[in-house]
C-alpha cells in the first residue's frame, strides 16, 4: 500500500509513532524531522557503530542517513516494513557502502555482517516496552503524592531509605512502610 493509498483508506498505525513522524517528514515537516532524529538517532548510530570500527566514520554515516531520510521519507511504505526497520536498513546499507569505500580499515569480512548480533530490541519488543512504561506511569499517578515521590526517588533515582528519611525528616520505619504500601498498590494496579 502506498502512502497515498494508506491515507485514502484511513490507514494509520497508532502503535508506530515513528511511522507517523516519517509521513510528516515526507510532507516537509521540519519539527517532525527533529523529533524523528531525537527518537531514532541513538539506535541508528548503534547500527553504524556495529559495522564501522571507527566512531568518526559511524558519525559521518549517520549524518548521511538522515540526509537520505529527509529526501526519501515520502517513499516510506508501512505495508512493506515498520518505520524503524526501514530506517535501520538505510543505516545498514550506508554503513556497508562506507565500509567498502575504506579498504584501509581493519574489519571483519562483509559476509559475516549478517551474523553480528543485534542487541537492540525488536520493534515489537520496543512497542511492548513502551506500553509497559506507560502502564507503570499511569499506576504511579494513581498513588498519593507522598508514596509516588518516595517510590520514584528510591527506585528511579537510587536513594536509600535512610537518605529519604533524612531528607523528609520522617522516621525510617515510616518511610519503609509508606514505600511498601505504595508498592503493594502499584502491584495491584499493574495486575488489573
Protein backbone atom coordinates (compact mmCIF):
# COMPACT_ATOMS: atom_id res chain seq x y z
CA UNK A 1 0.00 0.00 0.00
CA UNK A 2 1.48 3.33 -0.99
CA UNK A 3 1.34 6.34 1.29
CA UNK A 4 -1.45 7.92 -0.75
CA UNK A 5 -3.40 4.65 -0.68
CA UNK A 6 -2.81 4.38 3.05
CA UNK A 7 -4.06 7.92 3.52
CA UNK A 8 -7.12 7.32 1.32
CA UNK A 9 -8.05 4.13 3.16
CA UNK A 10 -7.57 5.91 6.50
CA UNK A 11 -4.76 3.54 7.47
CA UNK A 12 -2.66 4.94 10.27
CA UNK A 13 -0.91 2.71 12.74
CA UNK A 14 -1.12 4.47 16.11
CA UNK A 15 1.27 1.90 17.57
CA UNK A 16 4.01 3.16 15.24
CA UNK A 17 4.69 6.81 16.13
CA UNK A 18 7.94 6.62 14.15
CA UNK A 19 5.90 5.85 11.04
CA UNK A 20 3.73 8.89 11.72
CA UNK A 21 6.86 11.02 12.06
CA UNK A 22 8.23 9.66 8.77
CA UNK A 23 4.99 10.51 6.98
CA UNK A 24 5.17 14.05 8.41
CA UNK A 25 8.81 14.36 7.32
CA UNK A 26 7.74 13.23 3.86
CA UNK A 27 5.41 16.25 3.83
CA UNK A 28 8.37 18.52 4.69
CA UNK A 29 7.66 18.95 8.42
CA UNK A 30 10.98 20.03 9.98
CA UNK A 31 9.69 19.70 13.57
CA UNK A 32 8.78 16.08 12.84
CA UNK A 33 12.27 15.57 11.40
CA UNK A 34 13.86 16.90 14.59
CA UNK A 35 11.67 14.62 16.71
CA UNK A 36 12.44 11.65 14.45
CA UNK A 37 16.15 12.35 14.89
CA UNK A 38 15.82 12.56 18.69
CA UNK A 39 13.77 9.35 18.83
CA UNK A 40 15.86 7.21 16.47
CA UNK A 41 19.42 8.54 16.20
CA UNK A 42 20.85 6.52 19.10
CA UNK A 43 19.54 3.28 17.67
CA UNK A 44 20.71 4.05 14.13
CA UNK A 45 24.09 5.16 15.44
CA UNK A 46 24.34 1.74 17.10
CA UNK A 47 23.72 0.09 13.72
CA UNK A 48 26.51 2.19 12.19
CA UNK A 49 28.91 1.50 15.08
CA UNK A 50 28.41 -2.26 14.81
CA UNK A 51 29.55 -2.16 11.21
CA UNK A 52 32.19 0.57 11.28
CA UNK A 53 35.11 0.24 13.68
CA UNK A 54 35.80 3.96 13.91
CA UNK A 55 33.35 6.24 15.70
CA UNK A 56 34.05 9.19 13.38
CA UNK A 57 33.08 7.08 10.36
CA UNK A 58 29.88 5.97 12.08
CA UNK A 59 29.02 9.61 12.88
CA UNK A 60 29.56 10.62 9.24
CA UNK A 61 27.37 7.77 8.02
CA UNK A 62 24.64 8.69 10.49
CA UNK A 63 24.61 12.22 9.09
CA UNK A 64 24.27 10.80 5.57
CA UNK A 65 21.44 8.55 6.75
CA UNK A 66 19.37 11.49 7.98
CA UNK A 67 20.05 13.42 4.78
CA UNK A 68 18.62 10.45 2.87
CA UNK A 69 15.67 10.20 5.26
CA UNK A 70 14.86 13.88 4.70
CA UNK A 71 14.87 13.38 0.94
CA UNK A 72 13.14 9.99 0.82
CA UNK A 73 10.74 9.90 3.78
CA UNK A 74 7.83 10.18 1.36
CA UNK A 75 8.82 6.79 -0.05
CA UNK A 76 8.28 5.02 3.29
CA UNK A 77 5.63 2.30 2.90
CA UNK A 78 4.26 0.92 6.18
CA UNK A 79 2.85 -2.13 4.40
CA UNK A 80 6.36 -3.28 3.49
CA UNK A 81 8.26 -2.64 6.75
CA UNK A 82 7.97 -0.88 10.08
CA UNK A 83 9.44 2.60 10.24
CA UNK A 84 12.36 1.59 12.45
CA UNK A 85 13.17 -1.33 10.14
CA UNK A 86 13.13 0.99 7.13
CA UNK A 87 15.45 3.44 8.91
CA UNK A 88 17.77 0.68 10.12
CA UNK A 89 18.09 -0.70 6.59
CA UNK A 90 19.11 2.72 5.29
CA UNK A 91 21.71 2.99 8.07
CA UNK A 92 22.98 -0.54 7.47
CA UNK A 93 23.26 -0.03 3.71
CA UNK A 94 25.07 3.30 4.09
CA UNK A 95 27.46 1.78 6.66
CA UNK A 96 28.23 -1.13 4.32
CA UNK A 97 28.83 1.33 1.47
CA UNK A 98 31.24 3.28 3.69
CA UNK A 99 32.94 0.08 4.78
CA UNK A 100 33.53 -0.89 1.15
CA UNK A 101 34.95 2.53 0.35
CA UNK A 102 37.54 2.36 3.15
CA UNK A 103 39.84 -0.52 2.27
CA UNK A 104 42.47 0.51 4.82
CA UNK A 105 40.20 -0.10 7.79
CA UNK A 106 40.67 -3.39 9.59
CA UNK A 107 37.32 -5.09 9.56
CA UNK A 108 35.53 -8.39 9.53
CA UNK A 109 34.58 -9.76 6.12
CA UNK A 110 31.32 -8.36 4.77
CA UNK A 111 29.94 -11.89 4.61
CA UNK A 112 29.89 -12.02 8.43
CA UNK A 113 27.80 -8.86 8.82
CA UNK A 114 24.56 -10.82 8.94
CA UNK A 115 25.99 -12.90 11.78
CA UNK A 116 26.66 -9.88 14.01
CA UNK A 117 24.14 -9.96 16.82
CA UNK A 118 21.79 -7.01 17.00
CA UNK A 119 21.33 -6.43 20.71
CA UNK A 120 18.74 -3.71 20.20
CA UNK A 121 15.16 -4.70 20.96
CA UNK A 122 12.98 -5.65 18.04
CA UNK A 123 10.34 -3.10 17.03
CA UNK A 124 7.59 -5.24 18.58
CA UNK A 125 9.58 -5.59 21.81
CA UNK A 126 10.11 -1.81 21.82
CA UNK A 127 6.36 -1.21 21.46
CA UNK A 128 5.65 -3.68 24.27
CA UNK A 129 8.24 -1.98 26.46
CA UNK A 130 6.73 1.44 25.70
CA UNK A 131 3.28 0.09 26.65
CA UNK A 132 4.65 -1.27 29.93
CA UNK A 133 6.29 2.08 30.73
CA UNK A 134 3.04 3.91 30.00
CA UNK A 135 1.13 1.50 32.24
CA UNK A 136 3.66 1.96 35.06
CA UNK A 137 3.42 5.77 34.75
CA UNK A 138 -0.38 5.53 34.90
CA UNK A 139 -0.27 3.34 38.01
CA UNK A 140 2.29 5.62 39.68
CA UNK A 141 -0.02 8.57 39.03
CA UNK A 142 -2.77 6.76 40.98
CA UNK A 143 -0.64 6.75 44.15
CA UNK A 144 -0.87 9.58 46.64
CA UNK A 145 1.82 12.22 46.13
CA UNK A 146 3.97 11.17 49.11
CA UNK A 147 4.17 7.48 48.14
CA UNK A 148 4.70 8.31 44.47
CA UNK A 149 7.59 10.65 45.30
CA UNK A 150 9.21 8.17 47.69
CA UNK A 151 8.98 5.28 45.22
CA UNK A 152 10.32 7.35 42.33
CA UNK A 153 13.18 8.68 44.44
CA UNK A 154 14.06 5.26 45.90
CA UNK A 155 13.79 3.17 42.74
CA UNK A 156 14.46 5.57 39.87
CA UNK A 157 16.98 7.91 41.50
CA UNK A 158 18.62 5.22 43.66
CA UNK A 159 18.19 6.92 47.03
CA UNK A 160 18.37 4.70 50.11
CA UNK A 161 15.58 4.54 52.70
CA UNK A 162 17.93 6.23 55.16
CA UNK A 163 18.54 9.12 52.76
CA UNK A 164 14.80 9.51 52.21
CA UNK A 165 14.20 9.55 55.98
CA UNK A 166 16.85 12.24 56.45
CA UNK A 167 15.53 14.39 53.60
CA UNK A 168 11.91 14.16 54.66
CA UNK A 169 12.53 14.33 58.40
CA UNK A 170 10.35 11.24 58.86
CA UNK A 171 11.24 8.10 60.84
CA UNK A 172 12.94 5.33 58.86
CA UNK A 173 10.17 2.85 59.77
CA UNK A 174 7.53 5.20 58.33
CA UNK A 175 9.47 5.61 55.08
CA UNK A 176 9.75 1.82 54.70
CA UNK A 177 6.06 1.37 55.49
CA UNK A 178 4.93 4.06 53.02
CA UNK A 179 7.07 2.60 50.26
CA UNK A 180 5.90 -0.97 50.98
CA UNK A 181 2.23 0.08 50.89
CA UNK A 182 2.86 2.05 47.71
CA UNK A 183 4.48 -0.96 46.06
CA UNK A 184 1.50 -3.13 47.03
CA UNK A 185 -0.82 -0.55 45.41
CA UNK A 186 1.38 -0.48 42.31
CA UNK A 187 1.34 -4.28 42.01
CA UNK A 188 -2.46 -4.34 42.37
CA UNK A 189 -2.81 -1.68 39.69
CA UNK A 190 -0.43 -3.40 37.30
CA UNK A 191 -2.25 -6.73 37.72
CA UNK A 192 -5.62 -5.23 36.67
